[in-house]
């Protein structure tokens, strides 16, 4: 768990409680808005949520973890999961 002032960011927190989070999604997302959204947090971590459940849980990752995931996605490591 990391802290930024009085705000605590932890895995499974309600995405709507991530103070200072500005959620964004990929331009190639489903037109219906069904996608993964990410938000940089004030303490430098990155939160991830399901756009279909904006008030649902958020997973919180370090920037290094997100960078490794993005590299893997660019390299095609997860292409088989997209159908």
PDB file of N, CA and C in Angstrom:
ATOM      1  N   UNK A   1       0.836  -1.166   0.000  1.00  0.00           N
ATOM      2  CA  UNK A   1       0.000   0.000   0.000  1.00  0.00           C
ATOM      3  C   UNK A   1       0.887   1.237   0.000  1.00  0.00           C
ATOM      4  N   UNK A   2       0.537   2.203  -0.829  1.00  0.00           N
ATOM      5  CA  UNK A   2       1.285   3.449  -0.900  1.00  0.00           C
ATOM      6  C   UNK A   2       0.391   4.591  -0.446  1.00  0.00           C
ATOM      7  N   UNK A   3       0.995   5.652  -0.007  1.00  0.00           N
ATOM      8  CA  UNK A   3       0.251   6.800   0.490  1.00  0.00           C
ATOM      9  C   UNK A   3       0.641   8.053  -0.273  1.00  0.00           C
ATOM     10  N   UNK A   4      -0.325   8.908  -0.470  1.00  0.00           N
ATOM     11  CA  UNK A   4      -0.091  10.240  -1.014  1.00  0.00           C
ATOM     12  C   UNK A   4      -0.909  11.186  -0.152  1.00  0.00           C
ATOM     13  N   UNK A   5      -0.267  11.830   0.786  1.00  0.00           N
ATOM     14  CA  UNK A   5      -1.005  12.624   1.758  1.00  0.00           C
ATOM     15  C   UNK A   5      -1.846  11.680   2.593  1.00  0.00           C
ATOM     16  N   UNK A   6      -3.124  11.952   2.670  1.00  0.00           N
ATOM     17  CA  UNK A   6      -4.030  11.089   3.418  1.00  0.00           C
ATOM     18  C   UNK A   6      -4.652  10.011   2.534  1.00  0.00           C
ATOM     19  N   UNK A   7      -4.444  10.066   1.226  1.00  0.00           N
ATOM     20  CA  UNK A   7      -5.049   9.121   0.294  1.00  0.00           C
ATOM     21  C   UNK A   7      -4.249   7.829   0.263  1.00  0.00           C
ATOM     22  N   UNK A   8      -4.947   6.704   0.384  1.00  0.00           N
ATOM     23  CA  UNK A   8      -4.306   5.397   0.283  1.00  0.00           C
ATOM     24  C   UNK A   8      -4.769   4.730  -0.994  1.00  0.00           C
ATOM     25  N   UNK A   9      -3.836   4.202  -1.744  1.00  0.00           N
ATOM     26  CA  UNK A   9      -4.141   3.509  -2.984  1.00  0.00           C
ATOM     27  C   UNK A   9      -3.775   2.052  -2.801  1.00  0.00           C
ATOM     28  N   UNK A  10      -4.771   1.171  -2.905  1.00  0.00           N
ATOM     29  CA  UNK A  10      -4.493  -0.246  -2.739  1.00  0.00           C
ATOM     30  C   UNK A  10      -5.345  -1.044  -3.711  1.00  0.00           C
ATOM     31  N   UNK A  11      -4.876  -2.231  -4.056  1.00  0.00           N
ATOM     32  CA  UNK A  11      -5.600  -3.094  -4.976  1.00  0.00           C
ATOM     33  C   UNK A  11      -6.977  -3.402  -4.429  1.00  0.00           C
ATOM     34  N   UNK A  12      -7.970  -3.303  -5.312  1.00  0.00           N
ATOM     35  CA  UNK A  12      -9.337  -3.582  -4.943  1.00  0.00           C
ATOM     36  C   UNK A  12     -10.104  -2.387  -4.427  1.00  0.00           C
ATOM     37  N   UNK A  13      -9.440  -1.230  -4.318  1.00  0.00           N
ATOM     38  CA  UNK A  13     -10.158  -0.040  -3.855  1.00  0.00           C
ATOM     39  C   UNK A  13     -11.215   0.328  -4.886  1.00  0.00           C
ATOM     40  N   UNK A  14     -12.259   1.031  -4.438  1.00  0.00           N
ATOM     41  CA  UNK A  14     -13.259   1.514  -5.381  1.00  0.00           C
ATOM     42  C   UNK A  14     -12.599   2.553  -6.296  1.00  0.00           C
ATOM     43  N   UNK A  15     -12.762   2.360  -7.589  1.00  0.00           N
ATOM     44  CA  UNK A  15     -12.118   3.253  -8.551  1.00  0.00           C
ATOM     45  C   UNK A  15     -12.533   4.699  -8.342  1.00  0.00           C
ATOM     46  N   UNK A  16     -13.744   4.929  -7.886  1.00  0.00           N
ATOM     47  CA  UNK A  16     -14.232   6.293  -7.698  1.00  0.00           C
ATOM     48  C   UNK A  16     -13.602   6.970  -6.484  1.00  0.00           C
ATOM     49  N   UNK A  17     -12.903   6.224  -5.647  1.00  0.00           N
ATOM     50  CA  UNK A  17     -12.275   6.839  -4.482  1.00  0.00           C
ATOM     51  C   UNK A  17     -10.835   7.253  -4.754  1.00  0.00           C
ATOM     52  N   UNK A  18     -10.350   7.019  -5.953  1.00  0.00           N
ATOM     53  CA  UNK A  18      -8.977   7.377  -6.306  1.00  0.00           C
ATOM     54  C   UNK A  18      -8.902   8.880  -6.555  1.00  0.00           C
ATOM     55  N   UNK A  19      -8.757   9.640  -5.484  1.00  0.00           N
ATOM     56  CA  UNK A  19      -8.717  11.098  -5.586  1.00  0.00           C
ATOM     57  C   UNK A  19      -7.607  11.533  -6.534  1.00  0.00           C
ATOM     58  N   UNK A  20      -7.926  12.442  -7.418  1.00  0.00           N
ATOM     59  CA  UNK A  20      -6.943  12.952  -8.357  1.00  0.00           C
ATOM     60  C   UNK A  20      -6.785  12.110  -9.606  1.00  0.00           C
ATOM     61  N   UNK A  21      -7.491  10.981  -9.698  1.00  0.00           N
ATOM     62  CA  UNK A  21      -7.370  10.101 -10.861  1.00  0.00           C
ATOM     63  C   UNK A  21      -8.124  10.688 -12.046  1.00  0.00           C
ATOM     64  N   UNK A  22      -7.457  10.730 -13.195  1.00  0.00           N
ATOM     65  CA  UNK A  22      -8.088  11.125 -14.446  1.00  0.00           C
ATOM     66  C   UNK A  22      -8.048   9.894 -15.333  1.00  0.00           C
ATOM     67  N   UNK A  23      -9.195   9.251 -15.500  1.00  0.00           N
ATOM     68  CA  UNK A  23      -9.274   7.979 -16.223  1.00  0.00           C
ATOM     69  C   UNK A  23      -9.234   8.218 -17.717  1.00  0.00           C
ATOM     70  N   UNK A  24      -8.528   7.343 -18.434  1.00  0.00           N
ATOM     71  CA  UNK A  24      -8.468   7.430 -19.892  1.00  0.00           C
ATOM     72  C   UNK A  24      -8.389   6.031 -20.480  1.00  0.00           C
ATOM     73  N   UNK A  25      -8.786   5.935 -21.754  1.00  0.00           N
ATOM     74  CA  UNK A  25      -8.793   4.646 -22.443  1.00  0.00           C
ATOM     75  C   UNK A  25      -8.138   4.795 -23.801  1.00  0.00           C
ATOM     76  N   UNK A  26      -7.836   3.664 -24.400  1.00  0.00           N
ATOM     77  CA  UNK A  26      -7.190   3.655 -25.707  1.00  0.00           C
ATOM     78  C   UNK A  26      -8.149   4.166 -26.774  1.00  0.00           C
ATOM     79  N   UNK A  27      -7.613   4.847 -27.774  1.00  0.00           N
ATOM     80  CA  UNK A  27      -8.421   5.343 -28.881  1.00  0.00           C
ATOM     81  C   UNK A  27      -9.081   4.227 -29.674  1.00  0.00           C
ATOM     82  N   UNK A  28      -8.524   3.023 -29.615  1.00  0.00           N
ATOM     83  CA  UNK A  28      -9.081   1.888 -30.348  1.00  0.00           C
ATOM     84  C   UNK A  28     -10.119   1.128 -29.532  1.00  0.00           C
ATOM     85  N   UNK A  29     -10.577   1.704 -28.435  1.00  0.00           N
ATOM     86  CA  UNK A  29     -11.543   1.032 -27.572  1.00  0.00           C
ATOM     87  C   UNK A  29     -12.882   0.844 -28.264  1.00  0.00           C
ATOM     88  N   UNK A  30     -13.649  -0.087 -27.732  1.00  0.00           N
ATOM     89  CA  UNK A  30     -14.988  -0.377 -28.216  1.00  0.00           C
ATOM     90  C   UNK A  30     -15.820   0.909 -28.205  1.00  0.00           C
ATOM     91  N   UNK A  31     -16.554   1.202 -29.288  1.00  0.00           N
ATOM     92  CA  UNK A  31     -17.372   2.428 -29.334  1.00  0.00           C
ATOM     93  C   UNK A  31     -18.410   2.496 -28.207  1.00  0.00           C
ATOM     94  N   UNK A  32     -18.802   1.361 -27.659  1.00  0.00           N
ATOM     95  CA  UNK A  32     -19.767   1.335 -26.558  1.00  0.00           C
ATOM     96  C   UNK A  32     -19.114   1.673 -25.231  1.00  0.00           C
ATOM     97  N   UNK A  33     -17.805   1.920 -25.237  1.00  0.00           N
ATOM     98  CA  UNK A  33     -17.111   2.292 -24.019  1.00  0.00           C
ATOM     99  C   UNK A  33     -16.639   1.114 -23.187  1.00  0.00           C
ATOM    100  N   UNK A  34     -16.768  -0.087 -23.717  1.00  0.00           N
ATOM    101  CA  UNK A  34     -16.329  -1.268 -22.980  1.00  0.00           C
ATOM    102  C   UNK A  34     -14.835  -1.463 -23.201  1.00  0.00           C
ATOM    103  N   UNK A  35     -14.065  -1.083 -22.175  1.00  0.00           N
ATOM    104  CA  UNK A  35     -12.626  -1.134 -22.339  1.00  0.00           C
ATOM    105  C   UNK A  35     -11.932  -1.080 -20.979  1.00  0.00           C
ATOM    106  N   UNK A  36     -10.651  -1.162 -21.038  1.00  0.00           N
ATOM    107  CA  UNK A  36      -9.811  -0.999 -19.855  1.00  0.00           C
ATOM    108  C   UNK A  36      -9.430   0.476 -19.784  1.00  0.00           C
ATOM    109  N   UNK A  37      -9.533   1.057 -18.597  1.00  0.00           N
ATOM    110  CA  UNK A  37      -9.148   2.449 -18.404  1.00  0.00           C
ATOM    111  C   UNK A  37      -8.005   2.526 -17.401  1.00  0.00           C
ATOM    112  N   UNK A  38      -7.105   3.472 -17.623  1.00  0.00           N
ATOM    113  CA  UNK A  38      -5.983   3.687 -16.732  1.00  0.00           C
ATOM    114  C   UNK A  38      -5.983   5.118 -16.226  1.00  0.00           C
ATOM    115  N   UNK A  39      -5.418   5.301 -15.045  1.00  0.00           N
ATOM    116  CA  UNK A  39      -5.289   6.654 -14.487  1.00  0.00           C
ATOM    117  C   UNK A  39      -3.996   6.744 -13.702  1.00  0.00           C
ATOM    118  N   UNK A  40      -3.226   7.793 -13.957  1.00  0.00           N
ATOM    119  CA  UNK A  40      -2.055   8.072 -13.143  1.00  0.00           C
ATOM    120  C   UNK A  40      -2.525   8.615 -11.803  1.00  0.00           C
ATOM    121  N   UNK A  41      -1.932   8.138 -10.723  1.00  0.00           N
ATOM    122  CA  UNK A  41      -2.292   8.586  -9.386  1.00  0.00           C
ATOM    123  C   UNK A  41      -1.270   9.597  -8.881  1.00  0.00           C
ATOM    124  N   UNK A  42      -1.664  10.470  -7.975  1.00  0.00           N
ATOM    125  CA  UNK A  42      -0.755  11.504  -7.474  1.00  0.00           C
ATOM    126  C   UNK A  42       0.542  10.951  -6.873  1.00  0.00           C
ATOM    127  N   UNK A  43       0.517   9.708  -6.390  1.00  0.00           N
ATOM    128  CA  UNK A  43       1.736   9.152  -5.789  1.00  0.00           C
ATOM    129  C   UNK A  43       2.634   8.466  -6.811  1.00  0.00           C
ATOM    130  N   UNK A  44       2.291   8.546  -8.114  1.00  0.00           N
ATOM    131  CA  UNK A  44       3.130   7.985  -9.161  1.00  0.00           C
ATOM    132  C   UNK A  44       2.719   6.606  -9.629  1.00  0.00           C
ATOM    133  N   UNK A  45       1.798   5.967  -8.934  1.00  0.00           N
ATOM    134  CA  UNK A  45       1.325   4.655  -9.369  1.00  0.00           C
ATOM    135  C   UNK A  45       0.282   4.823 -10.465  1.00  0.00           C
ATOM    136  N   UNK A  46      -0.170   3.682 -11.020  1.00  0.00           N
ATOM    137  CA  UNK A  46      -1.167   3.696 -12.083  1.00  0.00           C
ATOM    138  C   UNK A  46      -2.303   2.760 -11.677  1.00  0.00           C
ATOM    139  N   UNK A  47      -3.540   3.275 -11.751  1.00  0.00           N
ATOM    140  CA  UNK A  47      -4.720   2.469 -11.445  1.00  0.00           C
ATOM    141  C   UNK A  47      -5.340   1.984 -12.746  1.00  0.00           C
ATOM    142  N   UNK A  48      -5.926   0.787 -12.706  1.00  0.00           N
ATOM    143  CA  UNK A  48      -6.571   0.172 -13.860  1.00  0.00           C
ATOM    144  C   UNK A  48      -7.979  -0.241 -13.442  1.00  0.00           C
ATOM    145  N   UNK A  49      -8.972   0.057 -14.296  1.00  0.00           N
ATOM    146  CA  UNK A  49     -10.344  -0.357 -14.004  1.00  0.00           C
ATOM    147  C   UNK A  49     -11.050  -0.797 -15.281  1.00  0.00           C
ATOM    148  N   UNK A  50     -12.193  -1.454 -15.108  1.00  0.00           N
ATOM    149  CA  UNK A  50     -13.048  -1.875 -16.204  1.00  0.00           C
ATOM    150  C   UNK A  50     -14.055  -0.755 -16.428  1.00  0.00           C
ATOM    151  N   UNK A  51     -14.110  -0.195 -17.623  1.00  0.00           N
ATOM    152  CA  UNK A  51     -14.999   0.942 -17.879  1.00  0.00           C
ATOM    153  C   UNK A  51     -16.475   0.592 -17.726  1.00  0.00           C
ATOM    154  N   UNK A  52     -16.831  -0.687 -17.839  1.00  0.00           N
ATOM    155  CA  UNK A  52     -18.235  -1.083 -17.649  1.00  0.00           C
ATOM    156  C   UNK A  52     -18.654  -0.960 -16.193  1.00  0.00           C
ATOM    157  N   UNK A  53     -17.685  -0.922 -15.285  1.00  0.00           N
ATOM    158  CA  UNK A  53     -17.955  -0.827 -13.851  1.00  0.00           C
ATOM    159  C   UNK A  53     -17.108   0.297 -13.253  1.00  0.00           C
ATOM    160  N   UNK A  54     -17.370   1.552 -13.622  1.00  0.00           N
ATOM    161  CA  UNK A  54     -16.510   2.655 -13.203  1.00  0.00           C
ATOM    162  C   UNK A  54     -16.409   2.847 -11.695  1.00  0.00           C
ATOM    163  N   UNK A  55     -17.383   2.373 -10.957  1.00  0.00           N
ATOM    164  CA  UNK A  55     -17.311   2.471  -9.504  1.00  0.00           C
ATOM    165  C   UNK A  55     -16.765   1.220  -8.860  1.00  0.00           C
ATOM    166  N   UNK A  56     -16.438   0.241  -9.692  1.00  0.00           N
ATOM    167  CA  UNK A  56     -15.956  -1.041  -9.182  1.00  0.00           C
ATOM    168  C   UNK A  56     -14.516  -0.965  -8.721  1.00  0.00           C
ATOM    169  N   UNK A  57     -13.914  -2.125  -8.526  1.00  0.00           N
ATOM    170  CA  UNK A  57     -12.553  -2.155  -8.002  1.00  0.00           C
ATOM    171  C   UNK A  57     -11.513  -1.694  -9.024  1.00  0.00           C
ATOM    172  N   UNK A  58     -10.429  -1.164  -8.507  1.00  0.00           N
ATOM    173  CA  UNK A  58      -9.292  -0.764  -9.337  1.00  0.00           C
ATOM    174  C   UNK A  58      -8.070  -1.537  -8.865  1.00  0.00           C
ATOM    175  N   UNK A  59      -7.258  -1.941  -9.804  1.00  0.00           N
ATOM    176  CA  UNK A  59      -5.976  -2.545  -9.475  1.00  0.00           C
ATOM    177  C   UNK A  59      -4.925  -1.454  -9.585  1.00  0.00           C
ATOM    178  N   UNK A  60      -3.967  -1.462  -8.672  1.00  0.00           N
ATOM    179  CA  UNK A  60      -2.958  -0.410  -8.604  1.00  0.00           C
ATOM    180  C   UNK A  60      -1.590  -1.022  -8.882  1.00  0.00           C
ATOM    181  N   UNK A  61      -0.869  -0.432  -9.832  1.00  0.00           N
ATOM    182  CA  UNK A  61       0.441  -0.927 -10.246  1.00  0.00           C
ATOM    183  C   UNK A  61       1.485   0.179 -10.157  1.00  0.00           C
ATOM    184  N   UNK A  62       2.736  -0.220 -10.038  1.00  0.00           N
ATOM    185  CA  UNK A  62       3.824   0.744 -10.123  1.00  0.00           C
ATOM    186  C   UNK A  62       4.018   1.117 -11.589  1.00  0.00           C
ATOM    187  N   UNK A  63       4.702   2.211 -11.823  1.00  0.00           N
ATOM    188  CA  UNK A  63       4.986   2.598 -13.211  1.00  0.00           C
ATOM    189  C   UNK A  63       5.852   1.553 -13.911  1.00  0.00           C
ATOM    190  N   UNK A  64       6.760   0.920 -13.178  1.00  0.00           N
ATOM    191  CA  UNK A  64       7.603  -0.125 -13.767  1.00  0.00           C
ATOM    192  C   UNK A  64       6.760  -1.319 -14.207  1.00  0.00           C
ATOM    193  N   UNK A  65       5.761  -1.679 -13.412  1.00  0.00           N
ATOM    194  CA  UNK A  65       4.888  -2.797 -13.782  1.00  0.00           C
ATOM    195  C   UNK A  65       4.077  -2.469 -15.030  1.00  0.00           C
ATOM    196  N   UNK A  66       3.558  -1.248 -15.100  1.00  0.00           N
ATOM    197  CA  UNK A  66       2.797  -0.835 -16.279  1.00  0.00           C
ATOM    198  C   UNK A  66       3.704  -0.792 -17.503  1.00  0.00           C
ATOM    199  N   UNK A  67       4.916  -0.294 -17.345  1.00  0.00           N
ATOM    200  CA  UNK A  67       5.858  -0.235 -18.466  1.00  0.00           C
ATOM    201  C   UNK A  67       6.153  -1.631 -18.999  1.00  0.00           C
ATOM    202  N   UNK A  68       6.334  -2.604 -18.109  1.00  0.00           N
ATOM    203  CA  UNK A  68       6.601  -3.982 -18.533  1.00  0.00           C
ATOM    204  C   UNK A  68       5.390  -4.549 -19.280  1.00  0.00           C
ATOM    205  N   UNK A  69       4.186  -4.254 -18.787  1.00  0.00           N
ATOM    206  CA  UNK A  69       2.981  -4.729 -19.466  1.00  0.00           C
ATOM    207  C   UNK A  69       2.868  -4.116 -20.862  1.00  0.00           C
ATOM    208  N   UNK A  70       3.078  -2.813 -20.971  1.00  0.00           N
ATOM    209  CA  UNK A  70       2.976  -2.141 -22.272  1.00  0.00           C
ATOM    210  C   UNK A  70       4.006  -2.702 -23.254  1.00  0.00           C
ATOM    211  N   UNK A  71       5.240  -2.927 -22.779  1.00  0.00           N
ATOM    212  CA  UNK A  71       6.255  -3.535 -23.656  1.00  0.00           C
ATOM    213  C   UNK A  71       5.786  -4.900 -24.142  1.00  0.00           C
ATOM    214  N   UNK A  72       5.251  -5.707 -23.231  1.00  0.00           N
ATOM    215  CA  UNK A  72       4.763  -7.029 -23.614  1.00  0.00           C
ATOM    216  C   UNK A  72       3.623  -6.955 -24.609  1.00  0.00           C
ATOM    217  N   UNK A  73       2.700  -6.010 -24.405  1.00  0.00           N
ATOM    218  CA  UNK A  73       1.579  -5.851 -25.328  1.00  0.00           C
ATOM    219  C   UNK A  73       2.085  -5.442 -26.712  1.00  0.00           C
ATOM    220  N   UNK A  74       3.032  -4.514 -26.751  1.00  0.00           N
ATOM    221  CA  UNK A  74       3.599  -4.086 -28.034  1.00  0.00           C
ATOM    222  C   UNK A  74       4.320  -5.225 -28.731  1.00  0.00           C
ATOM    223  N   UNK A  75       4.922  -6.117 -27.952  1.00  0.00           N
ATOM    224  CA  UNK A  75       5.647  -7.267 -28.516  1.00  0.00           C
ATOM    225  C   UNK A  75       4.729  -8.414 -28.913  1.00  0.00           C
ATOM    226  N   UNK A  76       3.425  -8.281 -28.633  1.00  0.00           N
ATOM    227  CA  UNK A  76       2.464  -9.311 -29.016  1.00  0.00           C
ATOM    228  C   UNK A  76       2.287 -10.424 -28.009  1.00  0.00           C
ATOM    229  N   UNK A  77       2.793 -10.236 -26.791  1.00  0.00           N
ATOM    230  CA  UNK A  77       2.730 -11.289 -25.776  1.00  0.00           C
ATOM    231  C   UNK A  77       1.298 -11.729 -25.439  1.00  0.00           C
ATOM    232  N   UNK A  78       0.301 -10.864 -25.686  1.00  0.00           N
ATOM    233  CA  UNK A  78      -1.064 -11.157 -25.285  1.00  0.00           C
ATOM    234  C   UNK A  78      -2.021 -11.250 -26.478  1.00  0.00           C
ATOM    235  N   UNK A  79      -1.481 -11.270 -27.682  1.00  0.00           N
ATOM    236  CA  UNK A  79      -2.322 -11.266 -28.869  1.00  0.00           C
ATOM    237  C   UNK A  79      -3.313 -12.425 -28.889  1.00  0.00           C
ATOM    238  N   UNK A  80      -2.932 -13.578 -28.358  1.00  0.00           N
ATOM    239  CA  UNK A  80      -3.811 -14.747 -28.388  1.00  0.00           C
ATOM    240  C   UNK A  80      -5.044 -14.545 -27.499  1.00  0.00           C
ATOM    241  N   UNK A  81      -5.003 -13.593 -26.565  1.00  0.00           N
ATOM    242  CA  UNK A  81      -6.147 -13.344 -25.696  1.00  0.00           C
ATOM    243  C   UNK A  81      -7.209 -12.453 -26.339  1.00  0.00           C
ATOM    244  N   UNK A  82      -6.865 -11.813 -27.445  1.00  0.00           N
ATOM    245  CA  UNK A  82      -7.787 -10.895 -28.114  1.00  0.00           C
ATOM    246  C   UNK A  82      -8.667 -11.609 -29.138  1.00  0.00           C
ATOM    247  N   UNK A  83      -8.457 -12.882 -29.304  1.00  0.00           N
ATOM    248  CA  UNK A  83      -9.320 -13.637 -30.204  1.00  0.00           C
ATOM    249  C   UNK A  83      -8.758 -13.824 -31.510  1.00  0.00           C
TER     250      UNK A  83
END
